[in-house]
Full PDB file with SEQRES, HELIX, SHEET, SSBOND, CRYST1, ORIGX, SCALE, CONECT and MASTER records, all heavy atoms in Angstrom:
SEQRES   1 A   33  SER GLN ILE ALA GLY LEU ASP GLN ALA MET ARG ASN ALA          
SEQRES   2 A   33  GLU ASP GLY VAL GLY MET VAL ASN THR GLY GLU GLY ALA          
SEQRES   3 A   33  LEU GLN GLU VAL HIS ALA MET                                  
HELIX    1 AA1 GLN A    2  ALA A   32  1                                  31    
CRYST1    1.000    1.000    1.000  90.00  90.00  90.00 P 1           1          
ORIGX1      1.000000  0.000000  0.000000        0.00000                         
ORIGX2      0.000000  1.000000  0.000000        0.00000                         
ORIGX3      0.000000  0.000000  1.000000        0.00000                         
SCALE1      1.000000  0.000000  0.000000        0.00000                         
SCALE2      0.000000  1.000000  0.000000        0.00000                         
SCALE3      0.000000  0.000000  1.000000        0.00000                         
ATOM      1  N   SER A   1      96.099  87.557 102.041  1.00  0.00           N  
ATOM      2  CA  SER A   1      94.683  87.817 101.769  1.00  0.00           C  
ATOM      3  C   SER A   1      94.198  89.017 102.571  1.00  0.00           C  
ATOM      4  O   SER A   1      93.497  89.887 102.052  1.00  0.00           O  
ATOM      5  CB  SER A   1      93.860  86.578 102.117  1.00  0.00           C  
ATOM      6  OG  SER A   1      92.475  86.828 101.937  1.00  0.00           O  
ATOM      7  N   GLN A   2      94.604  89.084 103.837  1.00  0.00           N  
ATOM      8  CA  GLN A   2      94.181  90.193 104.685  1.00  0.00           C  
ATOM      9  C   GLN A   2      94.809  91.502 104.212  1.00  0.00           C  
ATOM     10  O   GLN A   2      94.151  92.554 104.225  1.00  0.00           O  
ATOM     11  CB  GLN A   2      94.558  89.915 106.133  1.00  0.00           C  
ATOM     12  CG  GLN A   2      93.937  90.902 107.121  1.00  0.00           C  
ATOM     13  CD  GLN A   2      94.109  90.464 108.561  1.00  0.00           C  
ATOM     14  OE1 GLN A   2      94.665  89.414 108.839  1.00  0.00           O  
ATOM     15  NE2 GLN A   2      93.626  91.287 109.478  1.00  0.00           N  
ATOM     16  N   ILE A   3      96.064  91.448 103.796  1.00  0.00           N  
ATOM     17  CA  ILE A   3      96.738  92.660 103.314  1.00  0.00           C  
ATOM     18  C   ILE A   3      96.053  93.189 102.059  1.00  0.00           C  
ATOM     19  O   ILE A   3      95.849  94.399 101.904  1.00  0.00           O  
ATOM     20  CB  ILE A   3      98.236  92.370 103.035  1.00  0.00           C  
ATOM     21  CG1 ILE A   3      98.979  92.125 104.361  1.00  0.00           C  
ATOM     22  CG2 ILE A   3      98.891  93.520 102.282  1.00  0.00           C  
ATOM     23  CD1 ILE A   3     100.362  91.532 104.173  1.00  0.00           C  
ATOM     24  N   ALA A   4      95.680  92.277 101.144  1.00  0.00           N  
ATOM     25  CA  ALA A   4      94.973  92.696  99.930  1.00  0.00           C  
ATOM     26  C   ALA A   4      93.648  93.364 100.287  1.00  0.00           C  
ATOM     27  O   ALA A   4      93.254  94.368  99.686  1.00  0.00           O  
ATOM     28  CB  ALA A   4      94.740  91.496  99.016  1.00  0.00           C  
ATOM     29  N   GLY A   5      92.949  92.793 101.284  1.00  0.00           N  
ATOM     30  CA  GLY A   5      91.696  93.399 101.726  1.00  0.00           C  
ATOM     31  C   GLY A   5      91.902  94.765 102.338  1.00  0.00           C  
ATOM     32  O   GLY A   5      91.118  95.697 102.102  1.00  0.00           O  
ATOM     33  N   LEU A   6      92.953  94.921 103.125  1.00  0.00           N  
ATOM     34  CA  LEU A   6      93.260  96.218 103.739  1.00  0.00           C  
ATOM     35  C   LEU A   6      93.595  97.258 102.680  1.00  0.00           C  
ATOM     36  O   LEU A   6      93.166  98.413 102.770  1.00  0.00           O  
ATOM     37  CB  LEU A   6      94.428  96.063 104.720  1.00  0.00           C  
ATOM     38  CG  LEU A   6      94.138  95.294 106.015  1.00  0.00           C  
ATOM     39  CD1 LEU A   6      95.442  94.948 106.727  1.00  0.00           C  
ATOM     40  CD2 LEU A   6      93.225  96.110 106.933  1.00  0.00           C  
ATOM     41  N   ASP A   7      94.372  96.844 101.672  1.00  0.00           N  
ATOM     42  CA  ASP A   7      94.729  97.780 100.592  1.00  0.00           C  
ATOM     43  C   ASP A   7      93.495  98.256  99.844  1.00  0.00           C  
ATOM     44  O   ASP A   7      93.352  99.445  99.527  1.00  0.00           O  
ATOM     45  CB  ASP A   7      95.709  97.113  99.620  1.00  0.00           C  
ATOM     46  CG  ASP A   7      97.087  96.917 100.226  1.00  0.00           C  
ATOM     47  OD1 ASP A   7      97.401  97.589 101.226  1.00  0.00           O  
ATOM     48  OD2 ASP A   7      97.861  96.090  99.690  1.00  0.00           O  
ATOM     49  N   GLN A   8      92.568  97.324  99.557  1.00  0.00           N  
ATOM     50  CA  GLN A   8      91.350  97.725  98.858  1.00  0.00           C  
ATOM     51  C   GLN A   8      90.470  98.589  99.742  1.00  0.00           C  
ATOM     52  O   GLN A   8      89.837  99.548  99.264  1.00  0.00           O  
ATOM     53  CB  GLN A   8      90.571  96.483  98.403  1.00  0.00           C  
ATOM     54  CG  GLN A   8      89.323  96.810  97.583  1.00  0.00           C  
ATOM     55  CD  GLN A   8      89.631  97.640  96.352  1.00  0.00           C  
ATOM     56  OE1 GLN A   8      90.459  97.260  95.531  1.00  0.00           O  
ATOM     57  NE2 GLN A   8      88.974  98.786  96.211  1.00  0.00           N  
ATOM     58  N   ALA A   9      90.426  98.275 101.025  1.00  0.00           N  
ATOM     59  CA  ALA A   9      89.632  99.093 101.951  1.00  0.00           C  
ATOM     60  C   ALA A   9      90.171 100.517 102.008  1.00  0.00           C  
ATOM     61  O   ALA A   9      89.392 101.478 102.102  1.00  0.00           O  
ATOM     62  CB  ALA A   9      89.636  98.468 103.345  1.00  0.00           C  
ATOM     63  N   MET A  10      91.497 100.671 101.914  1.00  0.00           N  
ATOM     64  CA  MET A  10      92.075 102.023 101.882  1.00  0.00           C  
ATOM     65  C   MET A  10      91.640 102.766 100.625  1.00  0.00           C  
ATOM     66  O   MET A  10      91.311 103.953 100.678  1.00  0.00           O  
ATOM     67  CB  MET A  10      93.607 101.950 101.951  1.00  0.00           C  
ATOM     68  CG  MET A  10      94.152 101.729 103.351  1.00  0.00           C  
ATOM     69  SD  MET A  10      95.944 101.959 103.446  1.00  0.00           S  
ATOM     70  CE  MET A  10      96.517 100.471 102.640  1.00  0.00           C  
ATOM     71  N   ARG A  11      91.616 102.052  99.488  1.00  0.00           N  
ATOM     72  CA  ARG A  11      91.152 102.688  98.258  1.00  0.00           C  
ATOM     73  C   ARG A  11      89.667 103.046  98.363  1.00  0.00           C  
ATOM     74  O   ARG A  11      89.231 104.090  97.865  1.00  0.00           O  
ATOM     75  CB  ARG A  11      91.415 101.772  97.064  1.00  0.00           C  
ATOM     76  CG  ARG A  11      92.893 101.626  96.715  1.00  0.00           C  
ATOM     77  CD  ARG A  11      93.097 100.926  95.381  1.00  0.00           C  
ATOM     78  NE  ARG A  11      92.772  99.513  95.450  1.00  0.00           N  
ATOM     79  CZ  ARG A  11      93.634  98.552  95.806  1.00  0.00           C  
ATOM     80  NH1 ARG A  11      94.869  98.868  96.148  1.00  0.00           N  
ATOM     81  NH2 ARG A  11      93.255  97.289  95.806  1.00  0.00           N  
ATOM     82  N   ASN A  12      88.895 102.170  99.029  1.00  0.00           N  
ATOM     83  CA  ASN A  12      87.478 102.473  99.245  1.00  0.00           C  
ATOM     84  C   ASN A  12      87.312 103.739 100.073  1.00  0.00           C  
ATOM     85  O   ASN A  12      86.442 104.575  99.794  1.00  0.00           O  
ATOM     86  CB  ASN A  12      86.793 101.303  99.958  1.00  0.00           C  
ATOM     87  CG  ASN A  12      86.618 100.088  99.064  1.00  0.00           C  
ATOM     88  OD1 ASN A  12      86.934 100.133  97.878  1.00  0.00           O  
ATOM     89  ND2 ASN A  12      86.123  99.007  99.627  1.00  0.00           N  
ATOM     90  N   ALA A  13      88.143 103.867 101.116  1.00  0.00           N  
ATOM     91  CA  ALA A  13      88.067 105.054 101.971  1.00  0.00           C  
ATOM     92  C   ALA A  13      88.425 106.310 101.182  1.00  0.00           C  
ATOM     93  O   ALA A  13      87.794 107.367 101.342  1.00  0.00           O  
ATOM     94  CB  ALA A  13      88.994 104.894 103.179  1.00  0.00           C  
ATOM     95  N   GLU A  14      89.433 106.184 100.315  1.00  0.00           N  
ATOM     96  CA  GLU A  14      89.817 107.335  99.483  1.00  0.00           C  
ATOM     97  C   GLU A  14      88.682 107.718  98.536  1.00  0.00           C  
ATOM     98  O   GLU A  14      88.402 108.908  98.332  1.00  0.00           O  
ATOM     99  CB  GLU A  14      91.077 106.992  98.694  1.00  0.00           C  
ATOM    100  CG  GLU A  14      92.324 106.863  99.559  1.00  0.00           C  
ATOM    101  CD  GLU A  14      93.497 106.274  98.811  1.00  0.00           C  
ATOM    102  OE1 GLU A  14      93.312 105.907  97.624  1.00  0.00           O  
ATOM    103  OE2 GLU A  14      94.590 106.168  99.391  1.00  0.00           O  
ATOM    104  N   ASP A  15      88.024 106.713  97.956  1.00  0.00           N  
ATOM    105  CA  ASP A  15      86.879 106.993  97.088  1.00  0.00           C  
ATOM    106  C   ASP A  15      85.746 107.636  97.883  1.00  0.00           C  
ATOM    107  O   ASP A  15      85.051 108.527  97.380  1.00  0.00           O  
ATOM    108  CB  ASP A  15      86.377 105.702  96.431  1.00  0.00           C  
ATOM    109  CG  ASP A  15      87.353 105.166  95.396  1.00  0.00           C  
ATOM    110  OD1 ASP A  15      88.206 105.940  94.935  1.00  0.00           O  
ATOM    111  OD2 ASP A  15      87.262 103.974  95.050  1.00  0.00           O  
ATOM    112  N   GLY A  16      85.561 107.174  99.114  1.00  0.00           N  
ATOM    113  CA  GLY A  16      84.529 107.760  99.961  1.00  0.00           C  
ATOM    114  C   GLY A  16      84.796 109.216 100.260  1.00  0.00           C  
ATOM    115  O   GLY A  16      83.879 110.048 100.242  1.00  0.00           O  
ATOM    116  N   VAL A  17      86.072 109.529 100.524  1.00  0.00           N  
ATOM    117  CA  VAL A  17      86.440 110.938 100.766  1.00  0.00           C  
ATOM    118  C   VAL A  17      86.147 111.772  99.518  1.00  0.00           C  
ATOM    119  O   VAL A  17      85.610 112.875  99.602  1.00  0.00           O  
ATOM    120  CB  VAL A  17      87.932 111.047 101.155  1.00  0.00           C  
ATOM    121  CG1 VAL A  17      88.382 112.506 101.159  1.00  0.00           C  
ATOM    122  CG2 VAL A  17      88.155 110.431 102.533  1.00  0.00           C  
ATOM    123  N   GLY A  18      86.496 111.221  98.352  1.00  0.00           N  
ATOM    124  CA  GLY A  18      86.198 111.941  97.113  1.00  0.00           C  
ATOM    125  C   GLY A  18      84.712 112.174  96.924  1.00  0.00           C  
ATOM    126  O   GLY A  18      84.285 113.242  96.473  1.00  0.00           O  
ATOM    127  N   MET A  19      83.912 111.188  97.297  1.00  0.00           N  
ATOM    128  CA  MET A  19      82.464 111.294  97.140  1.00  0.00           C  
ATOM    129  C   MET A  19      81.877 112.366  98.050  1.00  0.00           C  
ATOM    130  O   MET A  19      81.111 113.226  97.607  1.00  0.00           O  
ATOM    131  CB  MET A  19      81.821 109.941  97.422  1.00  0.00           C  
ATOM    132  CG  MET A  19      80.328 109.903  97.187  1.00  0.00           C  
ATOM    133  SD  MET A  19      79.689 108.204  97.349  1.00  0.00           S  
ATOM    134  CE  MET A  19      77.980 108.484  96.939  1.00  0.00           C  
ATOM    135  N   VAL A  20      82.239 112.318  99.338  1.00  0.00           N  
ATOM    136  CA  VAL A  20      81.671 113.302 100.264  1.00  0.00           C  
ATOM    137  C   VAL A  20      82.202 114.699  99.966  1.00  0.00           C  
ATOM    138  O   VAL A  20      81.487 115.695 100.158  1.00  0.00           O  
ATOM    139  CB  VAL A  20      81.935 112.910 101.733  1.00  0.00           C  
ATOM    140  CG1 VAL A  20      81.248 111.606 102.077  1.00  0.00           C  
ATOM    141  CG2 VAL A  20      83.406 112.831 102.053  1.00  0.00           C  
ATOM    142  N   ASN A  21      83.441 114.789  99.481  1.00  0.00           N  
ATOM    143  CA  ASN A  21      83.973 116.103  99.093  1.00  0.00           C  
ATOM    144  C   ASN A  21      83.198 116.682  97.915  1.00  0.00           C  
ATOM    145  O   ASN A  21      82.963 117.892  97.849  1.00  0.00           O  
ATOM    146  CB  ASN A  21      85.449 115.995  98.732  1.00  0.00           C  
ATOM    147  CG  ASN A  21      86.350 115.953  99.953  1.00  0.00           C  
ATOM    148  OD1 ASN A  21      85.918 116.305 101.050  1.00  0.00           O  
ATOM    149  ND2 ASN A  21      87.580 115.537  99.776  1.00  0.00           N  
ATOM    150  N   THR A  22      82.819 115.803  96.981  1.00  0.00           N  
ATOM    151  CA  THR A  22      82.026 116.255  95.836  1.00  0.00           C  
ATOM    152  C   THR A  22      80.681 116.800  96.295  1.00  0.00           C  
ATOM    153  O   THR A  22      80.242 117.871  95.859  1.00  0.00           O  
ATOM    154  CB  THR A  22      81.809 115.094  94.846  1.00  0.00           C  
ATOM    155  OG1 THR A  22      83.080 114.627  94.384  1.00  0.00           O  
ATOM    156  CG2 THR A  22      80.985 115.544  93.653  1.00  0.00           C  
ATOM    157  N   GLY A  23      80.026 116.061  97.180  1.00  0.00           N  
ATOM    158  CA  GLY A  23      78.732 116.522  97.690  1.00  0.00           C  
ATOM    159  C   GLY A  23      78.858 117.798  98.496  1.00  0.00           C  
ATOM    160  O   GLY A  23      78.046 118.723  98.351  1.00  0.00           O  
ATOM    161  N   GLU A  24      79.870 117.846  99.339  1.00  0.00           N  
ATOM    162  CA  GLU A  24      80.048 119.038 100.181  1.00  0.00           C  
ATOM    163  C   GLU A  24      80.386 120.259  99.343  1.00  0.00           C  
ATOM    164  O   GLU A  24      79.925 121.368  99.604  1.00  0.00           O  
ATOM    165  CB  GLU A  24      81.156 118.760 101.205  1.00  0.00           C  
ATOM    166  CG  GLU A  24      81.150 119.680 102.401  1.00  0.00           C  
ATOM    167  CD  GLU A  24      81.863 121.000 102.167  1.00  0.00           C  
ATOM    168  OE1 GLU A  24      82.810 121.007 101.349  1.00  0.00           O  
ATOM    169  OE2 GLU A  24      81.495 122.012 102.785  1.00  0.00           O  
ATOM    170  N   GLY A  25      81.171 120.062  98.278  1.00  0.00           N  
ATOM    171  CA  GLY A  25      81.508 121.178  97.399  1.00  0.00           C  
ATOM    172  C   GLY A  25      80.291 121.729  96.684  1.00  0.00           C  
ATOM    173  O   GLY A  25      80.146 122.945  96.509  1.00  0.00           O  
ATOM    174  N   ALA A  26      79.389 120.828  96.276  1.00  0.00           N  
ATOM    175  CA  ALA A  26      78.160 121.270  95.619  1.00  0.00           C  
ATOM    176  C   ALA A  26      77.296 122.080  96.581  1.00  0.00           C  
ATOM    177  O   ALA A  26      76.745 123.130  96.228  1.00  0.00           O  
ATOM    178  CB  ALA A  26      77.384 120.062  95.097  1.00  0.00           C  
ATOM    179  N   LEU A  27      77.194 121.593  97.825  1.00  0.00           N  
ATOM    180  CA  LEU A  27      76.366 122.296  98.804  1.00  0.00           C  
ATOM    181  C   LEU A  27      76.994 123.618  99.240  1.00  0.00           C  
ATOM    182  O   LEU A  27      76.286 124.522  99.692  1.00  0.00           O  
ATOM    183  CB  LEU A  27      76.131 121.394 100.022  1.00  0.00           C  
ATOM    184  CG  LEU A  27      75.270 120.161  99.769  1.00  0.00           C  
ATOM    185  CD1 LEU A  27      75.026 119.411 101.063  1.00  0.00           C  
ATOM    186  CD2 LEU A  27      73.932 120.549  99.129  1.00  0.00           C  
ATOM    187  N   GLN A  28      78.295 123.726  99.103  1.00  0.00           N  
ATOM    188  CA  GLN A  28      78.940 125.013  99.393  1.00  0.00           C  
ATOM    189  C   GLN A  28      78.405 126.101  98.463  1.00  0.00           C  
ATOM    190  O   GLN A  28      78.130 127.224  98.887  1.00  0.00           O  
ATOM    191  CB  GLN A  28      80.456 124.871  99.251  1.00  0.00           C  
ATOM    192  CG  GLN A  28      81.236 126.138  99.618  1.00  0.00           C  
ATOM    193  CD  GLN A  28      82.733 125.924  99.533  1.00  0.00           C  
ATOM    194  OE1 GLN A  28      83.201 124.898  99.037  1.00  0.00           O  
ATOM    195  NE2 GLN A  28      83.492 126.880 100.009  1.00  0.00           N  
ATOM    196  N   GLU A  29      78.226 125.743  97.192  1.00  0.00           N  
ATOM    197  CA  GLU A  29      77.682 126.705  96.236  1.00  0.00           C  
ATOM    198  C   GLU A  29      76.200 126.935  96.501  1.00  0.00           C  
ATOM    199  O   GLU A  29      75.706 128.067  96.339  1.00  0.00           O  
ATOM    200  CB  GLU A  29      77.898 126.194  94.816  1.00  0.00           C  
ATOM    201  CG  GLU A  29      77.589 127.226  93.728  1.00  0.00           C  
ATOM    202  CD  GLU A  29      78.423 128.486  93.873  1.00  0.00           C  
ATOM    203  OE1 GLU A  29      79.582 128.393  94.324  1.00  0.00           O  
ATOM    204  OE2 GLU A  29      77.899 129.581  93.535  1.00  0.00           O  
ATOM    205  N   VAL A  30      75.470 125.892  96.915  1.00  0.00           N  
ATOM    206  CA  VAL A  30      74.059 126.070  97.274  1.00  0.00           C  
ATOM    207  C   VAL A  30      73.942 127.031  98.446  1.00  0.00           C  
ATOM    208  O   VAL A  30      73.060 127.901  98.472  1.00  0.00           O  
ATOM    209  CB  VAL A  30      73.419 124.710  97.618  1.00  0.00           C  
ATOM    210  CG1 VAL A  30      72.015 124.900  98.201  1.00  0.00           C  
ATOM    211  CG2 VAL A  30      73.344 123.831  96.371  1.00  0.00           C  
ATOM    212  N   HIS A  31      74.837 126.889  99.396  1.00  0.00           N  
ATOM    213  CA  HIS A  31      74.848 127.817 100.531  1.00  0.00           C  
ATOM    214  C   HIS A  31      75.039 129.262 100.054  1.00  0.00           C  
ATOM    215  O   HIS A  31      74.343 130.181 100.515  1.00  0.00           O  
ATOM    216  CB  HIS A  31      75.987 127.452 101.492  1.00  0.00           C  
ATOM    217  CG  HIS A  31      75.503 126.953 102.810  1.00  0.00           C  
ATOM    218  ND1 HIS A  31      76.278 126.214 103.669  1.00  0.00           N  
ATOM    219  CD2 HIS A  31      74.307 127.101 103.446  1.00  0.00           C  
ATOM    220  CE1 HIS A  31      75.590 125.911 104.749  1.00  0.00           C  
ATOM    221  NE2 HIS A  31      74.400 126.436 104.647  1.00  0.00           N  
ATOM    222  N   ALA A  32      75.974 129.463  99.141  1.00  0.00           N  
ATOM    223  CA  ALA A  32      76.236 130.815  98.632  1.00  0.00           C  
ATOM    224  C   ALA A  32      74.993 131.380  97.953  1.00  0.00           C  
ATOM    225  O   ALA A  32      74.665 132.572  98.114  1.00  0.00           O  
ATOM    226  CB  ALA A  32      77.417 130.778  97.654  1.00  0.00           C  
ATOM    227  N   MET A  33      74.286 130.545  97.212  1.00  0.00           N  
ATOM    228  CA  MET A  33      73.077 131.021  96.534  1.00  0.00           C  
ATOM    229  C   MET A  33      71.946 131.305  97.521  1.00  0.00           C  
ATOM    230  O   MET A  33      71.162 132.245  97.341  1.00  0.00           O  
ATOM    231  CB  MET A  33      72.637 129.992  95.487  1.00  0.00           C  
ATOM    232  CG  MET A  33      73.556 129.949  94.270  1.00  0.00           C  
ATOM    233  SD  MET A  33      72.948 128.867  92.948  1.00  0.00           S  
ATOM    234  CE  MET A  33      73.278 127.271  93.657  1.00  0.00           C  
TER     235      MET A  33                                                      
MASTER        0    0    0    1    0    0    0    6  234    1    0    3          
END                                                                             
């Protein structure tokens, strides 16, 4: 049960990285403008 939770938490962290990267990439272009 704990291993399954850890595996999902890792996927959550990966999704979080994708989310903040998306936001940061958008603001990179805002900075350029």
